[in-house]
Amino acid sequence: MDSSNSQPIDSARNTMIKTQDVEKVNRSPSTASSTNARSAELQSWAATFERMSDQRLEKQRFVPSVKKDDEISTNALGAKLERALGRRMSGQDAIFKRKDSLNEKAVEIAAS
């Protein structure tokens, strides 16, 4: 398995990033025997993902610049804010009703 071609997904940006130091993982001898099953399973998953990767498609992948990534994030935040404000303010238009003012003389006459 050629691990130099492995490209984990950066979930914050939803893009693929290249990793150079995949083999530089600290492995202690005391945990090596207890993680053999896990490492075998991880190697199986890695082999499956490598078989699924298509180099032609990876060359076509769009990788935004830092500025473009910031713009996309700002636009997404603005859209979320607009939707939230729309839900908050919908159906809350004030309807003014004229209250009858109390007239003390009218109250005294009605009470008598």
PDB file of N, CA and C in Angstrom:
ATOM      1  N   MET A   1       0.850  -1.178   0.000  1.00  0.00           N
ATOM      2  CA  MET A   1       0.000   0.000   0.000  1.00  0.00           C
ATOM      3  C   MET A   1       0.885   1.226   0.000  1.00  0.00           C
ATOM      4  N   ASP A   2       0.673   2.145  -0.920  1.00  0.00           N
ATOM      5  CA  ASP A   2       1.456   3.371  -1.011  1.00  0.00           C
ATOM      6  C   ASP A   2       0.740   4.453  -0.230  1.00  0.00           C
ATOM      7  N   SER A   3       1.239   4.752   0.956  1.00  0.00           N
ATOM      8  CA  SER A   3       0.540   5.693   1.827  1.00  0.00           C
ATOM      9  C   SER A   3       0.836   7.138   1.482  1.00  0.00           C
ATOM     10  N   SER A   4       1.793   7.405   0.574  1.00  0.00           N
ATOM     11  CA  SER A   4       2.085   8.794   0.225  1.00  0.00           C
ATOM     12  C   SER A   4       0.979   9.395  -0.628  1.00  0.00           C
ATOM     13  N   ASN A   5       0.127   8.553  -1.233  1.00  0.00           N
ATOM     14  CA  ASN A   5      -0.978   9.059  -2.039  1.00  0.00           C
ATOM     15  C   ASN A   5      -2.262   9.207  -1.251  1.00  0.00           C
ATOM     16  N   SER A   6      -2.241   8.826   0.021  1.00  0.00           N
ATOM     17  CA  SER A   6      -3.475   8.917   0.799  1.00  0.00           C
ATOM     18  C   SER A   6      -3.796  10.377   1.062  1.00  0.00           C
ATOM     19  N   GLN A   7      -5.070  10.716   0.966  1.00  0.00           N
ATOM     20  CA  GLN A   7      -5.496  12.094   1.134  1.00  0.00           C
ATOM     21  C   GLN A   7      -6.707  12.131   2.044  1.00  0.00           C
ATOM     22  N   PRO A   8      -6.518  12.425   3.334  1.00  0.00           N
ATOM     23  CA  PRO A   8      -7.675  12.497   4.231  1.00  0.00           C
ATOM     24  C   PRO A   8      -8.517  13.723   3.929  1.00  0.00           C
ATOM     25  N   ILE A   9      -9.761  13.652   4.296  1.00  0.00           N
ATOM     26  CA  ILE A   9     -10.679  14.762   4.065  1.00  0.00           C
ATOM     27  C   ILE A   9     -10.591  15.734   5.224  1.00  0.00           C
ATOM     28  N   ASP A  10     -10.433  17.011   4.892  1.00  0.00           N
ATOM     29  CA  ASP A  10     -10.457  18.066   5.901  1.00  0.00           C
ATOM     30  C   ASP A  10     -11.920  18.456   6.055  1.00  0.00           C
ATOM     31  N   SER A  11     -12.563  18.008   7.130  1.00  0.00           N
ATOM     32  CA  SER A  11     -14.011  18.168   7.262  1.00  0.00           C
ATOM     33  C   SER A  11     -14.437  19.619   7.393  1.00  0.00           C
ATOM     34  N   ALA A  12     -13.575  20.499   7.856  1.00  0.00           N
ATOM     35  CA  ALA A  12     -13.962  21.901   8.002  1.00  0.00           C
ATOM     36  C   ALA A  12     -14.125  22.563   6.644  1.00  0.00           C
ATOM     37  N   ARG A  13     -13.317  22.146   5.660  1.00  0.00           N
ATOM     38  CA  ARG A  13     -13.376  22.781   4.354  1.00  0.00           C
ATOM     39  C   ARG A  13     -14.003  21.889   3.301  1.00  0.00           C
ATOM     40  N   ASN A  14     -14.292  20.644   3.626  1.00  0.00           N
ATOM     41  CA  ASN A  14     -14.855  19.682   2.677  1.00  0.00           C
ATOM     42  C   ASN A  14     -14.000  19.552   1.419  1.00  0.00           C
ATOM     43  N   THR A  15     -12.701  19.565   1.581  1.00  0.00           N
ATOM     44  CA  THR A  15     -11.792  19.382   0.463  1.00  0.00           C
ATOM     45  C   THR A  15     -10.768  18.333   0.841  1.00  0.00           C
ATOM     46  N   MET A  16     -10.052  17.862  -0.145  1.00  0.00           N
ATOM     47  CA  MET A  16      -9.014  16.870   0.106  1.00  0.00           C
ATOM     48  C   MET A  16      -7.695  17.592   0.348  1.00  0.00           C
ATOM     49  N   ILE A  17      -6.911  17.092   1.292  1.00  0.00           N
ATOM     50  CA  ILE A  17      -5.597  17.665   1.545  1.00  0.00           C
ATOM     51  C   ILE A  17      -4.564  16.558   1.421  1.00  0.00           C
ATOM     52  N   LYS A  18      -3.366  16.913   1.005  1.00  0.00           N
ATOM     53  CA  LYS A  18      -2.300  15.930   0.864  1.00  0.00           C
ATOM     54  C   LYS A  18      -1.548  15.818   2.176  1.00  0.00           C
ATOM     55  N   THR A  19      -1.198  14.605   2.531  1.00  0.00           N
ATOM     56  CA  THR A  19      -0.402  14.396   3.732  1.00  0.00           C
ATOM     57  C   THR A  19       0.936  13.819   3.323  1.00  0.00           C
ATOM     58  N   GLN A  20       1.991  14.332   3.891  1.00  0.00           N
ATOM     59  CA  GLN A  20       3.331  13.877   3.575  1.00  0.00           C
ATOM     60  C   GLN A  20       3.874  12.953   4.659  1.00  0.00           C
ATOM     61  N   ASP A  21       3.447  13.130   5.897  1.00  0.00           N
ATOM     62  CA  ASP A  21       4.040  12.434   7.031  1.00  0.00           C
ATOM     63  C   ASP A  21       3.118  11.362   7.596  1.00  0.00           C
ATOM     64  N   VAL A  22       2.568  10.531   6.741  1.00  0.00           N
ATOM     65  CA  VAL A  22       1.648   9.504   7.207  1.00  0.00           C
ATOM     66  C   VAL A  22       2.393   8.455   8.022  1.00  0.00           C
ATOM     67  N   GLU A  23       3.638   8.156   7.639  1.00  0.00           N
ATOM     68  CA  GLU A  23       4.393   7.102   8.304  1.00  0.00           C
ATOM     69  C   GLU A  23       5.006   7.544   9.625  1.00  0.00           C
ATOM     70  N   LYS A  24       4.931   8.825   9.963  1.00  0.00           N
ATOM     71  CA  LYS A  24       5.543   9.336  11.188  1.00  0.00           C
ATOM     72  C   LYS A  24       4.577   9.273  12.358  1.00  0.00           C
ATOM     73  N   VAL A  25       4.070   8.098  12.630  1.00  0.00           N
ATOM     74  CA  VAL A  25       3.147   7.907  13.738  1.00  0.00           C
ATOM     75  C   VAL A  25       3.905   7.218  14.858  1.00  0.00           C
ATOM     76  N   ASN A  26       3.827   7.761  16.054  1.00  0.00           N
ATOM     77  CA  ASN A  26       4.507   7.152  17.194  1.00  0.00           C
ATOM     78  C   ASN A  26       3.788   5.871  17.582  1.00  0.00           C
ATOM     79  N   ARG A  27       4.542   4.803  17.650  1.00  0.00           N
ATOM     80  CA  ARG A  27       3.967   3.521  18.053  1.00  0.00           C
ATOM     81  C   ARG A  27       4.784   2.991  19.216  1.00  0.00           C
ATOM     82  N   SER A  28       4.143   2.777  20.317  1.00  0.00           N
ATOM     83  CA  SER A  28       4.866   2.237  21.467  1.00  0.00           C
ATOM     84  C   SER A  28       4.791   0.720  21.418  1.00  0.00           C
ATOM     85  N   PRO A  29       5.870   0.027  21.800  1.00  0.00           N
ATOM     86  CA  PRO A  29       5.866  -1.436  21.728  1.00  0.00           C
ATOM     87  C   PRO A  29       4.836  -2.081  22.646  1.00  0.00           C
ATOM     88  N   SER A  30       4.474  -1.425  23.742  1.00  0.00           N
ATOM     89  CA  SER A  30       3.531  -2.032  24.679  1.00  0.00           C
ATOM     90  C   SER A  30       2.119  -2.087  24.114  1.00  0.00           C
ATOM     91  N   THR A  31       1.769  -1.158  23.239  1.00  0.00           N
ATOM     92  CA  THR A  31       0.415  -1.150  22.685  1.00  0.00           C
ATOM     93  C   THR A  31       0.340  -1.834  21.331  1.00  0.00           C
ATOM     94  N   ALA A  32       1.479  -2.204  20.760  1.00  0.00           N
ATOM     95  CA  ALA A  32       1.479  -2.802  19.420  1.00  0.00           C
ATOM     96  C   ALA A  32       0.732  -4.131  19.403  1.00  0.00           C
ATOM     97  N   SER A  33       0.913  -4.959  20.418  1.00  0.00           N
ATOM     98  CA  SER A  33       0.248  -6.261  20.417  1.00  0.00           C
ATOM     99  C   SER A  33      -1.253  -6.134  20.650  1.00  0.00           C
ATOM    100  N   SER A  34      -1.666  -5.150  21.422  1.00  0.00           N
ATOM    101  CA  SER A  34      -3.090  -4.995  21.712  1.00  0.00           C
ATOM    102  C   SER A  34      -3.846  -4.331  20.573  1.00  0.00           C
ATOM    103  N   THR A  35      -3.140  -3.674  19.665  1.00  0.00           N
ATOM    104  CA  THR A  35      -3.817  -2.972  18.580  1.00  0.00           C
ATOM    105  C   THR A  35      -3.642  -3.663  17.238  1.00  0.00           C
ATOM    106  N   ASN A  36      -3.172  -4.908  17.226  1.00  0.00           N
ATOM    107  CA  ASN A  36      -2.996  -5.613  15.955  1.00  0.00           C
ATOM    108  C   ASN A  36      -4.306  -5.743  15.196  1.00  0.00           C
ATOM    109  N   ALA A  37      -5.374  -6.066  15.888  1.00  0.00           N
ATOM    110  CA  ALA A  37      -6.675  -6.199  15.225  1.00  0.00           C
ATOM    111  C   ALA A  37      -7.133  -4.851  14.690  1.00  0.00           C
ATOM    112  N   ARG A  38      -6.925  -3.818  15.482  1.00  0.00           N
ATOM    113  CA  ARG A  38      -7.327  -2.479  15.030  1.00  0.00           C
ATOM    114  C   ARG A  38      -6.500  -2.032  13.832  1.00  0.00           C
ATOM    115  N   SER A  39      -5.195  -2.255  13.894  1.00  0.00           N
ATOM    116  CA  SER A  39      -4.349  -1.815  12.782  1.00  0.00           C
ATOM    117  C   SER A  39      -4.669  -2.603  11.520  1.00  0.00           C
ATOM    118  N   ALA A  40      -4.981  -3.880  11.656  1.00  0.00           N
ATOM    119  CA  ALA A  40      -5.362  -4.675  10.488  1.00  0.00           C
ATOM    120  C   ALA A  40      -6.652  -4.142   9.882  1.00  0.00           C
ATOM    121  N   GLU A  41      -7.596  -3.784  10.734  1.00  0.00           N
ATOM    122  CA  GLU A  41      -8.859  -3.235  10.238  1.00  0.00           C
ATOM    123  C   GLU A  41      -8.641  -1.881   9.570  1.00  0.00           C
ATOM    124  N   LEU A  42      -7.800  -1.046  10.178  1.00  0.00           N
ATOM    125  CA  LEU A  42      -7.505   0.259   9.580  1.00  0.00           C
ATOM    126  C   LEU A  42      -6.791   0.102   8.243  1.00  0.00           C
ATOM    127  N   GLN A  43      -5.877  -0.847   8.147  1.00  0.00           N
ATOM    128  CA  GLN A  43      -5.190  -1.086   6.879  1.00  0.00           C
ATOM    129  C   GLN A  43      -6.169  -1.582   5.824  1.00  0.00           C
ATOM    130  N   SER A  44      -7.127  -2.382   6.241  1.00  0.00           N
ATOM    131  CA  SER A  44      -8.150  -2.855   5.315  1.00  0.00           C
ATOM    132  C   SER A  44      -8.980  -1.692   4.785  1.00  0.00           C
ATOM    133  N   TRP A  45      -9.379  -0.808   5.687  1.00  0.00           N
ATOM    134  CA  TRP A  45     -10.144   0.378   5.279  1.00  0.00           C
ATOM    135  C   TRP A  45      -9.312   1.262   4.348  1.00  0.00           C
ATOM    136  N   ALA A  46      -8.046   1.472   4.694  1.00  0.00           N
ATOM    137  CA  ALA A  46      -7.177   2.317   3.870  1.00  0.00           C
ATOM    138  C   ALA A  46      -7.012   1.729   2.475  1.00  0.00           C
ATOM    139  N   ALA A  47      -6.859   0.411   2.387  1.00  0.00           N
ATOM    140  CA  ALA A  47      -6.728  -0.237   1.083  1.00  0.00           C
ATOM    141  C   ALA A  47      -8.005  -0.070   0.267  1.00  0.00           C
ATOM    142  N   THR A  48      -9.148  -0.184   0.919  1.00  0.00           N
ATOM    143  CA  THR A  48     -10.425  -0.002   0.224  1.00  0.00           C
ATOM    144  C   THR A  48     -10.565   1.419  -0.300  1.00  0.00           C
ATOM    145  N   PHE A  49     -10.222   2.401   0.530  1.00  0.00           N
ATOM    146  CA  PHE A  49     -10.311   3.797   0.093  1.00  0.00           C
ATOM    147  C   PHE A  49      -9.341   4.085  -1.052  1.00  0.00           C
ATOM    148  N   GLU A  50      -8.166   3.481  -1.010  1.00  0.00           N
ATOM    149  CA  GLU A  50      -7.203   3.706  -2.088  1.00  0.00           C
ATOM    150  C   GLU A  50      -7.700   3.104  -3.395  1.00  0.00           C
ATOM    151  N   ARG A  51      -8.342   1.936  -3.329  1.00  0.00           N
ATOM    152  CA  ARG A  51      -8.910   1.340  -4.543  1.00  0.00           C
ATOM    153  C   ARG A  51     -10.024   2.210  -5.106  1.00  0.00           C
ATOM    154  N   MET A  52     -10.768   2.879  -4.228  1.00  0.00           N
ATOM    155  CA  MET A  52     -11.891   3.705  -4.670  1.00  0.00           C
ATOM    156  C   MET A  52     -11.433   5.029  -5.261  1.00  0.00           C
ATOM    157  N   SER A  53     -10.226   5.482  -4.940  1.00  0.00           N
ATOM    158  CA  SER A  53      -9.779   6.788  -5.423  1.00  0.00           C
ATOM    159  C   SER A  53      -9.467   6.715  -6.914  1.00  0.00           C
ATOM    160  N   ASP A  54      -9.788   7.783  -7.603  1.00  0.00           N
ATOM    161  CA  ASP A  54      -9.546   7.884  -9.035  1.00  0.00           C
ATOM    162  C   ASP A  54      -8.674   9.113  -9.262  1.00  0.00           C
ATOM    163  N   GLN A  55      -7.449   8.903  -9.734  1.00  0.00           N
ATOM    164  CA  GLN A  55      -6.501  10.003  -9.888  1.00  0.00           C
ATOM    165  C   GLN A  55      -7.003  11.050 -10.886  1.00  0.00           C
ATOM    166  N   ARG A  56      -7.707  10.628 -11.926  1.00  0.00           N
ATOM    167  CA  ARG A  56      -8.229  11.590 -12.899  1.00  0.00           C
ATOM    168  C   ARG A  56      -9.202  12.557 -12.237  1.00  0.00           C
ATOM    169  N   LEU A  57     -10.044  12.037 -11.352  1.00  0.00           N
ATOM    170  CA  LEU A  57     -11.008  12.900 -10.677  1.00  0.00           C
ATOM    171  C   LEU A  57     -10.336  13.777  -9.631  1.00  0.00           C
ATOM    172  N   GLU A  58      -9.311  13.255  -8.973  1.00  0.00           N
ATOM    173  CA  GLU A  58      -8.624  14.046  -7.957  1.00  0.00           C
ATOM    174  C   GLU A  58      -7.874  15.217  -8.568  1.00  0.00           C
ATOM    175  N   LYS A  59      -7.418  15.079  -9.811  1.00  0.00           N
ATOM    176  CA  LYS A  59      -6.751  16.191 -10.491  1.00  0.00           C
ATOM    177  C   LYS A  59      -7.744  17.296 -10.831  1.00  0.00           C
ATOM    178  N   GLN A  60      -9.005  16.965 -10.979  1.00  0.00           N
ATOM    179  CA  GLN A  60     -10.033  17.944 -11.322  1.00  0.00           C
ATOM    180  C   GLN A  60     -10.644  18.609 -10.098  1.00  0.00           C
ATOM    181  N   ARG A  61     -10.267  18.153  -8.926  1.00  0.00           N
ATOM    182  CA  ARG A  61     -10.888  18.639  -7.696  1.00  0.00           C
ATOM    183  C   ARG A  61     -10.616  20.126  -7.497  1.00  0.00           C
ATOM    184  N   PHE A  62     -11.647  20.879  -7.132  1.00  0.00           N
ATOM    185  CA  PHE A  62     -11.531  22.313  -6.858  1.00  0.00           C
ATOM    186  C   PHE A  62     -11.057  22.515  -5.430  1.00  0.00           C
ATOM    187  N   VAL A  63      -9.971  23.244  -5.272  1.00  0.00           N
ATOM    188  CA  VAL A  63      -9.452  23.574  -3.947  1.00  0.00           C
ATOM    189  C   VAL A  63      -9.474  25.093  -3.833  1.00  0.00           C
ATOM    190  N   PRO A  64     -10.372  25.639  -3.017  1.00  0.00           N
ATOM    191  CA  PRO A  64     -10.476  27.102  -2.924  1.00  0.00           C
ATOM    192  C   PRO A  64      -9.279  27.706  -2.199  1.00  0.00           C
ATOM    193  N   SER A  65      -8.981  28.948  -2.565  1.00  0.00           N
ATOM    194  CA  SER A  65      -7.924  29.674  -1.863  1.00  0.00           C
ATOM    195  C   SER A  65      -8.448  30.067  -0.484  1.00  0.00           C
ATOM    196  N   VAL A  66      -7.551  30.553   0.349  1.00  0.00           N
ATOM    197  CA  VAL A  66      -7.950  30.955   1.703  1.00  0.00           C
ATOM    198  C   VAL A  66      -8.962  32.092   1.629  1.00  0.00           C
ATOM    199  N   LYS A  67      -8.737  33.036   0.717  1.00  0.00           N
ATOM    200  CA  LYS A  67      -9.663  34.170   0.570  1.00  0.00           C
ATOM    201  C   LYS A  67     -11.046  33.683   0.127  1.00  0.00           C
ATOM    202  N   LYS A  68     -11.063  32.779  -0.853  1.00  0.00           N
ATOM    203  CA  LYS A  68     -12.336  32.251  -1.351  1.00  0.00           C
ATOM    204  C   LYS A  68     -13.039  31.433  -0.272  1.00  0.00           C
ATOM    205  N   ASP A  69     -12.271  30.691   0.512  1.00  0.00           N
ATOM    206  CA  ASP A  69     -12.846  29.908   1.605  1.00  0.00           C
ATOM    207  C   ASP A  69     -13.486  30.831   2.640  1.00  0.00           C
ATOM    208  N   ASP A  70     -12.829  31.950   2.947  1.00  0.00           N
ATOM    209  CA  ASP A  70     -13.400  32.926   3.883  1.00  0.00           C
ATOM    210  C   ASP A  70     -14.676  33.540   3.325  1.00  0.00           C
ATOM    211  N   GLU A  71     -14.683  33.837   2.018  1.00  0.00           N
ATOM    212  CA  GLU A  71     -15.890  34.393   1.387  1.00  0.00           C
ATOM    213  C   GLU A  71     -17.056  33.412   1.468  1.00  0.00           C
ATOM    214  N   ILE A  72     -16.779  32.156   1.185  1.00  0.00           N
ATOM    215  CA  ILE A  72     -17.827  31.132   1.228  1.00  0.00           C
ATOM    216  C   ILE A  72     -18.379  31.009   2.644  1.00  0.00           C
ATOM    217  N   SER A  73     -17.488  31.009   3.634  1.00  0.00           N
ATOM    218  CA  SER A  73     -17.927  30.905   5.030  1.00  0.00           C
ATOM    219  C   SER A  73     -18.761  32.110   5.435  1.00  0.00           C
ATOM    220  N   THR A  74     -18.338  33.306   5.017  1.00  0.00           N
ATOM    221  CA  THR A  74     -19.078  34.527   5.350  1.00  0.00           C
ATOM    222  C   THR A  74     -20.462  34.519   4.713  1.00  0.00           C
ATOM    223  N   ASN A  75     -20.533  34.105   3.447  1.00  0.00           N
ATOM    224  CA  ASN A  75     -21.833  34.042   2.770  1.00  0.00           C
ATOM    225  C   ASN A  75     -22.754  33.025   3.425  1.00  0.00           C
ATOM    226  N   ALA A  76     -22.205  31.892   3.827  1.00  0.00           N
ATOM    227  CA  ALA A  76     -23.023  30.869   4.489  1.00  0.00           C
ATOM    228  C   ALA A  76     -23.546  31.376   5.821  1.00  0.00           C
ATOM    229  N   LEU A  77     -22.700  32.067   6.577  1.00  0.00           N
ATOM    230  CA  LEU A  77     -23.131  32.619   7.858  1.00  0.00           C
ATOM    231  C   LEU A  77     -24.206  33.680   7.658  1.00  0.00           C
ATOM    232  N   GLY A  78     -24.041  34.535   6.641  1.00  0.00           N
ATOM    233  CA  GLY A  78     -25.048  35.554   6.346  1.00  0.00           C
ATOM    234  C   GLY A  78     -26.384  34.938   5.970  1.00  0.00           C
ATOM    235  N   ALA A  79     -26.349  33.864   5.183  1.00  0.00           N
ATOM    236  CA  ALA A  79     -27.593  33.194   4.789  1.00  0.00           C
ATOM    237  C   ALA A  79     -28.284  32.577   5.995  1.00  0.00           C
ATOM    238  N   LYS A  80     -27.511  31.973   6.891  1.00  0.00           N
ATOM    239  CA  LYS A  80     -28.099  31.396   8.107  1.00  0.00           C
ATOM    240  C   LYS A  80     -28.727  32.482   8.965  1.00  0.00           C
ATOM    241  N   LEU A  81     -28.058  33.615   9.072  1.00  0.00           N
ATOM    242  CA  LEU A  81     -28.578  34.724   9.865  1.00  0.00           C
ATOM    243  C   LEU A  81     -29.868  35.268   9.266  1.00  0.00           C
ATOM    244  N   GLU A  82     -29.912  35.422   7.945  1.00  0.00           N
ATOM    245  CA  GLU A  82     -31.125  35.906   7.283  1.00  0.00           C
ATOM    246  C   GLU A  82     -32.297  34.954   7.514  1.00  0.00           C
ATOM    247  N   ARG A  83     -32.045  33.646   7.408  1.00  0.00           N
ATOM    248  CA  ARG A  83     -33.126  32.675   7.644  1.00  0.00           C
ATOM    249  C   ARG A  83     -33.608  32.734   9.085  1.00  0.00           C
ATOM    250  N   ALA A  84     -32.670  32.860  10.024  1.00  0.00           N
ATOM    251  CA  ALA A  84     -33.058  32.917  11.439  1.00  0.00           C
ATOM    252  C   ALA A  84     -33.861  34.173  11.728  1.00  0.00           C
ATOM    253  N   LEU A  85     -33.433  35.309  11.191  1.00  0.00           N
ATOM    254  CA  LEU A  85     -34.180  36.551  11.414  1.00  0.00           C
ATOM    255  C   LEU A  85     -35.546  36.490  10.744  1.00  0.00           C
ATOM    256  N   GLY A  86     -35.625  35.850   9.592  1.00  0.00           N
ATOM    257  CA  GLY A  86     -36.913  35.701   8.917  1.00  0.00           C
ATOM    258  C   GLY A  86     -37.889  34.885   9.740  1.00  0.00           C
ATOM    259  N   ARG A  87     -37.404  33.807  10.353  1.00  0.00           N
ATOM    260  CA  ARG A  87     -38.281  32.996  11.207  1.00  0.00           C
ATOM    261  C   ARG A  87     -38.665  33.759  12.462  1.00  0.00           C
ATOM    262  N   ARG A  88     -37.742  34.536  12.989  1.00  0.00           N
ATOM    263  CA  ARG A  88     -38.006  35.249  14.242  1.00  0.00           C
ATOM    264  C   ARG A  88     -39.031  36.358  14.045  1.00  0.00           C
ATOM    265  N   MET A  89     -38.957  37.054  12.933  1.00  0.00           N
ATOM    266  CA  MET A  89     -39.800  38.229  12.740  1.00  0.00           C
ATOM    267  C   MET A  89     -41.090  37.934  11.973  1.00  0.00           C
ATOM    268  N   SER A  90     -41.251  36.757  11.446  1.00  0.00           N
ATOM    269  CA  SER A  90     -42.452  36.485  10.659  1.00  0.00           C
ATOM    270  C   SER A  90     -43.666  36.353  11.569  1.00  0.00           C
ATOM    271  N   GLY A  91     -44.765  36.931  11.157  1.00  0.00           N
ATOM    272  CA  GLY A  91     -46.009  36.821  11.907  1.00  0.00           C
ATOM    273  C   GLY A  91     -46.042  37.632  13.185  1.00  0.00           C
ATOM    274  N   GLN A  92     -45.180  38.616  13.307  1.00  0.00           N
ATOM    275  CA  GLN A  92     -45.148  39.404  14.531  1.00  0.00           C
ATOM    276  C   GLN A  92     -45.437  40.879  14.269  1.00  0.00           C
ATOM    277  N   ASP A  93     -46.153  41.170  13.214  1.00  0.00           N
ATOM    278  CA  ASP A  93     -46.504  42.560  12.938  1.00  0.00           C
ATOM    279  C   ASP A  93     -47.507  43.041  13.976  1.00  0.00           C
ATOM    280  N   ALA A  94     -47.265  44.231  14.471  1.00  0.00           N
ATOM    281  CA  ALA A  94     -48.120  44.779  15.529  1.00  0.00           C
ATOM    282  C   ALA A  94     -49.441  45.262  14.939  1.00  0.00           C
ATOM    283  N   ILE A  95     -50.517  44.990  15.648  1.00  0.00           N
ATOM    284  CA  ILE A  95     -51.838  45.488  15.276  1.00  0.00           C
ATOM    285  C   ILE A  95     -52.286  46.394  16.411  1.00  0.00           C
ATOM    286  N   PHE A  96     -52.462  47.647  16.088  1.00  0.00           N
ATOM    287  CA  PHE A  96     -52.827  48.610  17.118  1.00  0.00           C
ATOM    288  C   PHE A  96     -54.346  48.689  17.234  1.00  0.00           C
ATOM    289  N   LYS A  97     -54.857  48.462  18.418  1.00  0.00           N
ATOM    290  CA  LYS A  97     -56.287  48.576  18.690  1.00  0.00           C
ATOM    291  C   LYS A  97     -56.479  49.772  19.599  1.00  0.00           C
ATOM    292  N   ARG A  98     -57.488  50.532  19.302  1.00  0.00           N
ATOM    293  CA  ARG A  98     -57.758  51.717  20.109  1.00  0.00           C
ATOM    294  C   ARG A  98     -58.476  51.296  21.377  1.00  0.00           C
ATOM    295  N   LYS A  99     -57.882  51.625  22.489  1.00  0.00           N
ATOM    296  CA  LYS A  99     -58.507  51.297  23.761  1.00  0.00           C
ATOM    297  C   LYS A  99     -59.469  52.413  24.137  1.00  0.00           C
ATOM    298  N   ASP A 100     -60.597  52.026  24.696  1.00  0.00           N
ATOM    299  CA  ASP A 100     -61.538  53.033  25.180  1.00  0.00           C
ATOM    300  C   ASP A 100     -60.964  53.632  26.453  1.00  0.00           C
ATOM    301  N   SER A 101     -60.845  54.948  26.438  1.00  0.00           N
ATOM    302  CA  SER A 101     -60.300  55.595  27.630  1.00  0.00           C
ATOM    303  C   SER A 101     -61.383  55.638  28.706  1.00  0.00           C
ATOM    304  N   LEU A 102     -60.960  55.532  29.917  1.00  0.00           N
ATOM    305  CA  LEU A 102     -61.904  55.556  31.030  1.00  0.00           C
ATOM    306  C   LEU A 102     -62.272  57.000  31.355  1.00  0.00           C
ATOM    307  N   ASN A 103     -63.537  57.233  31.397  1.00  0.00           N
ATOM    308  CA  ASN A 103     -64.045  58.546  31.778  1.00  0.00           C
ATOM    309  C   ASN A 103     -64.645  58.385  33.169  1.00  0.00           C
ATOM    310  N   GLU A 104     -64.120  59.110  34.128  1.00  0.00           N
ATOM    311  CA  GLU A 104     -64.570  58.953  35.515  1.00  0.00           C
ATOM    312  C   GLU A 104     -66.051  59.271  35.676  1.00  0.00           C
ATOM    313  N   LYS A 105     -66.545  60.276  34.963  1.00  0.00           N
ATOM    314  CA  LYS A 105     -67.954  60.643  35.092  1.00  0.00           C
ATOM    315  C   LYS A 105     -68.840  59.541  34.529  1.00  0.00           C
ATOM    316  N   ALA A 106     -68.428  58.915  33.434  1.00  0.00           N
ATOM    317  CA  ALA A 106     -69.231  57.846  32.843  1.00  0.00           C
ATOM    318  C   ALA A 106     -69.244  56.627  33.759  1.00  0.00           C
ATOM    319  N   VAL A 107     -68.156  56.368  34.451  1.00  0.00           N
ATOM    320  CA  VAL A 107     -68.092  55.241  35.370  1.00  0.00           C
ATOM    321  C   VAL A 107     -68.996  55.500  36.564  1.00  0.00           C
ATOM    322  N   GLU A 108     -69.035  56.739  37.098  1.00  0.00           N
ATOM    323  CA  GLU A 108     -69.877  57.076  38.246  1.00  0.00           C
ATOM    324  C   GLU A 108     -71.352  56.973  37.880  1.00  0.00           C
ATOM    325  N   ILE A 109     -71.706  57.404  36.688  1.00  0.00           N
ATOM    326  CA  ILE A 109     -73.109  57.357  36.265  1.00  0.00           C
ATOM    327  C   ILE A 109     -73.536  55.904  36.075  1.00  0.00           C
ATOM    328  N   ALA A 110     -72.656  55.086  35.512  1.00  0.00           N
ATOM    329  CA  ALA A 110     -72.998  53.687  35.282  1.00  0.00           C
ATOM    330  C   ALA A 110     -73.109  52.934  36.593  1.00  0.00           C
ATOM    331  N   ALA A 111     -72.357  53.339  37.600  1.00  0.00           N
ATOM    332  CA  ALA A 111     -72.390  52.667  38.890  1.00  0.00           C
ATOM    333  C   ALA A 111     -73.647  53.031  39.663  1.00  0.00           C
ATOM    334  N   SER A 112     -74.225  54.179  39.457  1.00  0.00           N
ATOM    335  CA  SER A 112     -75.391  54.592  40.232  1.00  0.00           C
ATOM    336  C   SER A 112     -76.635  53.973  39.754  1.00  0.00           C
TER     337      SER A 112
END
